Amino acid sequence: MKKLYKLLIFGLFPLLLLSDEEASMPYSYWDFHPLHIGGNMIRIGGAPVESGDSGHLYFRKNNAYVNLLVPITRHSYLFPRIEFNNFTLDWNQNPKFKETHFYYAQFGLMFFTTELDNWRWILRADYNLDLEHFGHPAEYGLFSLLVWGKYELHKKWHYHVGVLGSVGLEGARVYPIIGIDFAPNKRWMFEAIFPITYSIQYKLDKNWHFSIKGRPLKKRFRVGSHEPQPRSVFNYSTIGTEFNIHYEQFLWLEIEVYAGYDFGGNFYIKNQFGRNGLYTEVGGAPYAGASLDYGF
C-alpha cells in the first residue's frame, strides 16, 4: 500500500460539529465541498546503491485523483476514490530490467465513522492495477486494506490501533498499527503512529501549519515481459524526514510543500514467481514534493 501511505483524510466534517438546532437549518450538500480533485508529486535525488560500485537509484512519482464525500449518517461517511499514478524508478546499474517508467490506476473506498463513543474508525480498501497490463489483474494487481481506530483517552491524548496489509504481486504483508498522539494546546501536536505517520506540528492560525515529519515510502510493482528477467517483482522501501508547510481553507483548498532528506532503505528484485531475490541497500538522498487538493 502506499503510502502508506500518506492517507488524505479530511478530518471531522462540520456536520459532526453542528448542534441539533443548526443541523435543522437548510444546508446544501454542496456547502461541504463533497467533490475533491487533486494531485501530488515527489522527487528523490540519486541515492547510492550500496552493493559495491552499483550506481544510483532515482525515484519520482506523480499522482492525480478524484474522490467524493457520501454521507451515510451525521457521523459516518463513504469516500469512493479513483487515482491515476505514474512513477519512475531508475537504477542505472540494474541487472534485471531496463524499464524505468510505470503507470497504474488505484480504485479505493474508505469508510469513516465516529458512531462509537470516543472512537474514530477508518476502514479503507484499495486496488492497484498496472495500466499497461490491465487485462492481467492476477499478475499485475495489488490489493491493500487499512483498519485504523483512534481512541480519545483525554482531550489531549489519543491512542491508535489497527492493521495495515496488502496481498498481490507474489507476496503478502501485514503490519500492526500502534501509536499515540498528544496535543498539549491548540497550536502543537505530536504524533508517533507506526507505520503511518510521525510528526511534530505547529498551527500558526486556522490556515497555516508547519511541521517536521517522517515520510515512509514503499513501492511494489511488476515489470513487463520484454526484460532480461521477465515479469520481475520489485520492492522499494525508504523513510525520510522533512520540513513541511501546509496551507488549508477547510474542506475547500489544501496546498502542501515539503523538502527533506531520505535516509535510504532497502530494494529487492525477485523473479516472476517471487523467488531468487536480489537484495541491496539504498543510501540517502535529498527529496522534495508538493500536493494540492481542491473541493467543489
Protein backbone atom coordinates (compact mmCIF):
# COMPACT_ATOMS: atom_id res chain seq x y z
CA MET A 1 0.00 0.00 0.00
CA LYS A 2 1.18 3.29 -0.48
CA LYS A 3 1.99 5.02 1.46
CA LEU A 4 1.36 4.23 3.02
CA TYR A 5 0.74 5.78 2.56
CA LYS A 6 0.11 9.32 3.46
CA LEU A 7 -3.62 8.95 3.77
CA LEU A 8 -5.65 12.18 2.60
CA ILE A 9 -8.28 12.28 5.42
CA PHE A 10 -10.36 15.42 5.74
CA GLY A 11 -10.92 15.14 9.50
CA LEU A 12 -14.23 15.65 11.29
CA PHE A 13 -16.56 17.45 8.95
CA PRO A 14 -18.70 20.41 10.03
CA LEU A 15 -21.74 18.13 10.08
CA LEU A 16 -20.25 16.43 13.12
CA LEU A 17 -19.93 19.76 14.90
CA LEU A 18 -23.43 21.07 14.30
CA SER A 19 -25.90 21.29 17.16
CA ASP A 20 -29.36 19.79 16.67
CA GLU A 21 -30.74 23.27 16.05
CA GLU A 22 -28.05 24.06 13.49
CA ALA A 23 -28.50 20.67 11.83
CA SER A 24 -32.11 21.57 11.07
CA MET A 25 -31.00 24.61 9.05
CA PRO A 26 -31.22 24.32 5.23
CA TYR A 27 -27.61 23.36 4.47
CA SER A 28 -26.94 22.14 0.97
CA TYR A 29 -24.87 19.03 0.33
CA TRP A 30 -22.59 21.22 -1.78
CA ASP A 31 -21.93 23.58 1.14
CA PHE A 32 -19.50 20.95 2.37
CA HIS A 33 -17.49 20.73 -0.90
CA PRO A 34 -18.01 16.97 -1.24
CA LEU A 35 -16.21 16.50 -4.57
CA HIS A 36 -12.44 16.79 -4.39
CA ILE A 37 -9.77 16.68 -7.07
CA GLY A 38 -6.07 16.94 -6.53
CA GLY A 39 -2.62 15.64 -7.12
CA ASN A 40 0.82 15.31 -5.65
CA MET A 41 4.39 14.82 -6.69
CA ILE A 42 7.63 13.76 -5.04
CA ARG A 43 11.22 13.70 -6.28
CA ILE A 44 14.09 11.83 -4.62
CA GLY A 45 17.61 12.52 -5.82
CA GLY A 46 20.13 9.90 -6.84
CA ALA A 47 20.64 7.54 -3.91
CA PRO A 48 23.75 5.34 -3.95
CA VAL A 49 23.03 1.64 -4.22
CA GLU A 50 25.22 0.14 -1.55
CA SER A 51 26.30 -3.05 -3.24
CA GLY A 52 29.80 -2.36 -4.44
CA ASP A 53 30.01 0.17 -7.27
CA SER A 54 26.37 -0.25 -8.22
CA GLY A 55 25.40 3.23 -9.34
CA HIS A 56 22.49 5.35 -8.15
CA LEU A 57 18.75 4.91 -7.88
CA TYR A 58 16.37 7.77 -8.72
CA PHE A 59 12.71 7.84 -7.72
CA ARG A 60 9.94 10.21 -8.90
CA LYS A 61 6.18 9.93 -8.57
CA ASN A 62 3.14 11.90 -9.81
CA ASN A 63 -0.47 11.36 -8.84
CA ALA A 64 -3.90 12.76 -9.75
CA TYR A 65 -7.15 11.77 -8.07
CA VAL A 66 -10.83 12.47 -7.58
CA ASN A 67 -12.89 11.50 -4.54
CA LEU A 68 -16.39 12.09 -3.25
CA LEU A 69 -17.92 12.51 0.20
CA VAL A 70 -21.05 10.36 0.52
CA PRO A 71 -22.88 10.89 3.86
CA ILE A 72 -24.48 7.84 5.46
CA THR A 73 -25.41 9.38 8.83
CA ARG A 74 -24.30 12.54 10.66
CA HIS A 75 -21.35 10.53 11.97
CA SER A 76 -20.48 8.13 9.13
CA TYR A 77 -19.30 8.71 5.57
CA LEU A 78 -18.09 6.86 2.50
CA PHE A 79 -15.31 8.14 0.23
CA PRO A 80 -15.06 6.46 -3.19
CA ARG A 81 -11.81 7.45 -4.90
CA ILE A 82 -10.01 6.95 -8.21
CA GLU A 83 -6.32 7.72 -8.70
CA PHE A 84 -4.02 7.74 -11.70
CA ASN A 85 -0.35 7.34 -10.85
CA ASN A 86 2.95 7.24 -12.64
CA PHE A 87 6.37 6.79 -11.15
CA THR A 88 9.95 6.48 -12.29
CA LEU A 89 12.34 4.08 -10.62
CA ASP A 90 15.67 4.26 -12.39
CA TRP A 91 18.68 2.28 -11.16
CA ASN A 92 21.38 2.89 -13.72
CA GLN A 93 23.13 -0.42 -12.94
CA ASN A 94 20.01 -2.58 -12.81
CA PRO A 95 20.92 -6.11 -13.98
CA LYS A 96 17.37 -7.48 -14.04
CA PHE A 97 15.24 -5.00 -16.02
CA LYS A 98 15.58 -1.83 -18.07
CA GLU A 99 12.04 -0.47 -17.69
CA THR A 100 12.00 2.75 -15.67
CA HIS A 101 8.51 4.28 -16.11
CA PHE A 102 5.41 2.70 -14.57
CA TYR A 103 1.70 3.59 -14.68
CA TYR A 104 -1.20 2.33 -12.60
CA ALA A 105 -4.75 3.14 -11.51
CA GLN A 106 -5.96 2.87 -7.95
CA PHE A 107 -9.60 2.28 -7.02
CA GLY A 108 -10.38 2.96 -3.38
CA LEU A 109 -13.27 3.04 -0.95
CA MET A 110 -12.95 4.48 2.55
CA PHE A 111 -15.47 4.31 5.42
CA PHE A 112 -15.12 6.94 8.16
CA THR A 113 -17.17 6.90 11.36
CA THR A 114 -17.37 8.40 14.85
CA GLU A 115 -20.54 6.49 15.81
CA LEU A 116 -18.81 4.75 18.75
CA ASP A 117 -18.20 6.90 21.81
CA ASN A 118 -14.63 8.28 21.96
CA TRP A 119 -13.64 6.36 18.83
CA ARG A 120 -12.86 7.37 15.27
CA TRP A 121 -12.60 4.44 12.84
CA ILE A 122 -11.33 4.34 9.27
CA LEU A 123 -11.71 1.30 7.04
CA ARG A 124 -10.16 1.61 3.61
CA ALA A 125 -9.73 -0.85 0.74
CA ASP A 126 -7.64 -0.12 -2.37
CA TYR A 127 -6.92 -2.00 -5.56
CA ASN A 128 -3.96 -1.03 -7.76
CA LEU A 129 -3.70 -2.24 -11.34
CA ASP A 130 -0.97 -1.64 -13.90
CA LEU A 131 -2.44 0.40 -16.76
CA GLU A 132 -0.19 -1.29 -19.32
CA HIS A 133 -1.34 -4.76 -18.24
CA PHE A 134 -4.98 -4.01 -17.42
CA GLY A 135 -6.11 -7.35 -18.80
CA HIS A 136 -3.94 -9.33 -16.35
CA PRO A 137 -5.17 -8.39 -12.86
CA ALA A 138 -3.98 -11.65 -11.29
CA GLU A 139 -0.36 -10.87 -12.19
CA TYR A 140 -0.37 -7.07 -12.07
CA GLY A 141 -2.88 -6.22 -9.33
CA LEU A 142 -2.26 -5.33 -5.68
CA PHE A 143 -4.99 -5.24 -3.02
CA SER A 144 -4.49 -3.37 0.24
CA LEU A 145 -6.60 -2.91 3.37
CA LEU A 146 -6.45 -0.43 6.25
CA VAL A 147 -8.35 -0.70 9.55
CA TRP A 148 -7.43 2.21 11.83
CA GLY A 149 -9.02 3.22 15.12
CA LYS A 150 -8.28 6.29 17.26
CA TYR A 151 -9.49 6.38 20.87
CA GLU A 152 -9.72 9.53 22.99
CA LEU A 153 -8.03 8.84 26.32
CA HIS A 154 -8.20 12.53 27.21
CA LYS A 155 -8.88 15.73 25.30
CA LYS A 156 -5.12 15.98 24.77
CA TRP A 157 -4.27 12.30 24.25
CA HIS A 158 -5.34 9.61 21.75
CA TYR A 159 -4.04 6.14 21.13
CA HIS A 160 -4.16 4.41 17.75
CA VAL A 161 -4.66 0.74 16.93
CA GLY A 162 -5.36 -1.21 13.77
CA VAL A 163 -3.88 -3.22 10.96
CA LEU A 164 -2.46 -2.47 7.51
CA GLY A 165 -1.94 -5.16 4.92
CA SER A 166 -1.58 -5.96 1.24
CA VAL A 167 -1.66 -9.01 -0.99
CA GLY A 168 -0.61 -9.49 -4.60
CA LEU A 169 2.49 -9.41 -6.80
CA GLU A 170 3.72 -12.70 -5.36
CA GLY A 171 3.60 -11.57 -1.76
CA ALA A 172 1.55 -10.57 1.28
CA ARG A 173 2.31 -8.13 4.09
CA VAL A 174 0.51 -7.40 7.37
CA TYR A 175 1.58 -4.71 9.84
CA PRO A 176 0.02 -3.71 13.15
CA ILE A 177 -0.90 -0.05 13.61
CA ILE A 178 0.03 1.23 17.04
CA GLY A 179 0.76 4.72 18.27
CA ILE A 180 -0.21 7.80 20.19
CA ASP A 181 -0.81 11.49 19.60
CA PHE A 182 -0.63 14.36 22.06
CA ALA A 183 -1.91 17.93 21.67
CA PRO A 184 -0.83 19.99 24.72
CA ASN A 185 -2.65 23.04 23.36
CA LYS A 186 -4.37 24.31 20.22
CA ARG A 187 -1.10 25.04 18.43
CA TRP A 188 1.04 21.95 18.97
CA MET A 189 0.51 18.31 18.01
CA PHE A 190 2.90 15.35 18.42
CA GLU A 191 2.23 12.09 16.55
CA ALA A 192 4.01 8.74 16.51
CA ILE A 193 1.86 6.15 14.73
CA PHE A 194 3.60 3.10 13.31
CA PRO A 195 3.83 2.58 10.33
CA ILE A 196 1.80 5.56 9.05
CA THR A 197 2.97 8.92 10.34
CA TYR A 198 5.49 10.58 12.64
CA SER A 199 5.33 14.34 13.12
CA ILE A 200 5.70 17.45 15.25
CA GLN A 201 3.16 20.03 14.07
CA TYR A 202 2.71 23.72 14.85
CA LYS A 203 -0.52 25.50 13.92
CA LEU A 204 0.15 29.17 13.29
CA ASP A 205 -3.51 30.02 12.66
CA LYS A 206 -6.58 28.38 11.10
CA ASN A 207 -4.88 28.30 7.68
CA TRP A 208 -1.15 27.76 8.16
CA HIS A 209 0.56 24.70 9.65
CA PHE A 210 4.27 23.94 9.90
CA SER A 211 5.70 20.56 10.80
CA ILE A 212 8.66 18.24 10.88
CA LYS A 213 7.54 14.87 9.55
CA GLY A 214 8.81 11.42 8.92
CA ARG A 215 7.74 10.17 5.49
CA PRO A 216 7.73 6.38 4.91
CA LEU A 217 7.78 5.42 1.25
CA LYS A 218 7.08 1.97 -0.14
CA LYS A 219 6.52 0.91 -3.74
CA ARG A 220 5.92 -2.62 -5.02
CA PHE A 221 5.41 -3.38 -8.70
CA ARG A 222 5.97 -5.84 -11.55
CA VAL A 223 7.78 -5.15 -14.82
CA GLY A 224 6.73 -6.31 -18.27
CA SER A 225 7.62 -9.45 -20.18
CA HIS A 226 10.27 -7.97 -22.51
CA GLU A 227 13.03 -7.62 -19.93
CA PRO A 228 16.26 -9.53 -19.17
CA GLN A 229 14.34 -11.08 -16.25
CA PRO A 230 10.71 -11.01 -17.48
CA ARG A 231 7.89 -10.01 -15.11
CA SER A 232 10.28 -9.31 -12.22
CA VAL A 233 8.68 -8.09 -8.99
CA PHE A 234 10.49 -5.29 -7.16
CA ASN A 235 10.02 -3.59 -3.81
CA TYR A 236 11.46 -0.20 -2.83
CA SER A 237 11.18 0.93 0.81
CA THR A 238 12.71 4.02 2.47
CA ILE A 239 11.97 6.68 5.08
CA GLY A 240 12.85 10.37 5.17
CA THR A 241 12.46 13.44 7.37
CA GLU A 242 11.17 16.75 6.05
CA PHE A 243 10.14 20.28 6.84
CA ASN A 244 6.53 20.66 5.74
CA ILE A 245 4.43 23.78 5.05
CA HIS A 246 0.68 23.29 4.82
CA TYR A 247 -1.99 25.84 3.86
CA GLU A 248 -5.67 24.99 4.26
CA GLN A 249 -9.09 26.51 3.68
CA PHE A 250 -11.16 23.87 5.48
CA LEU A 251 -12.87 21.45 3.07
CA TRP A 252 -12.14 23.72 0.11
CA LEU A 253 -8.41 24.02 -0.55
CA GLU A 254 -5.20 22.42 0.72
CA ILE A 255 -1.68 23.13 -0.51
CA GLU A 256 1.38 21.39 0.86
CA VAL A 257 5.07 21.76 0.03
CA TYR A 258 7.94 19.96 1.68
CA ALA A 259 11.63 19.19 1.43
CA GLY A 260 13.91 16.92 3.39
CA TYR A 261 16.37 14.08 3.38
CA ASP A 262 15.58 10.45 2.65
CA PHE A 263 17.75 8.19 4.81
CA GLY A 264 17.53 5.27 2.42
CA GLY A 265 16.29 1.76 2.96
CA ASN A 266 16.16 -1.47 1.01
CA PHE A 267 15.43 -2.54 -2.52
CA TYR A 268 14.95 -6.03 -3.90
CA ILE A 269 14.09 -7.67 -7.19
CA LYS A 270 12.62 -11.17 -7.42
CA ASN A 271 11.67 -13.33 -10.37
CA GLN A 272 8.10 -13.62 -11.64
CA PHE A 273 7.34 -16.27 -9.00
CA GLY A 274 8.62 -14.17 -6.12
CA ARG A 275 11.83 -16.18 -5.67
CA ASN A 276 15.61 -15.83 -6.17
CA GLY A 277 15.73 -12.30 -4.84
CA LEU A 278 18.47 -9.77 -5.46
CA TYR A 279 18.66 -7.70 -2.25
CA THR A 280 20.53 -4.45 -1.80
CA GLU A 281 20.59 -1.38 0.43
CA VAL A 282 19.88 2.12 -0.87
CA GLY A 283 21.64 5.13 0.62
CA GLY A 284 20.37 8.59 1.46
CA ALA A 285 19.40 11.46 -0.85
CA PRO A 286 17.54 14.79 -0.66
CA TYR A 287 13.90 14.92 -1.70
CA ALA A 288 11.10 17.44 -2.23
CA GLY A 289 7.43 17.37 -3.12
CA ALA A 290 4.10 19.17 -3.22
CA SER A 291 0.39 18.39 -3.15
CA LEU A 292 -2.85 20.14 -3.99
CA ASP A 293 -6.45 19.30 -3.02
CA TYR A 294 -9.46 21.33 -4.21
CA GLY A 295 -13.06 20.82 -3.16
CA PHE A 296 -16.16 21.71 -5.17
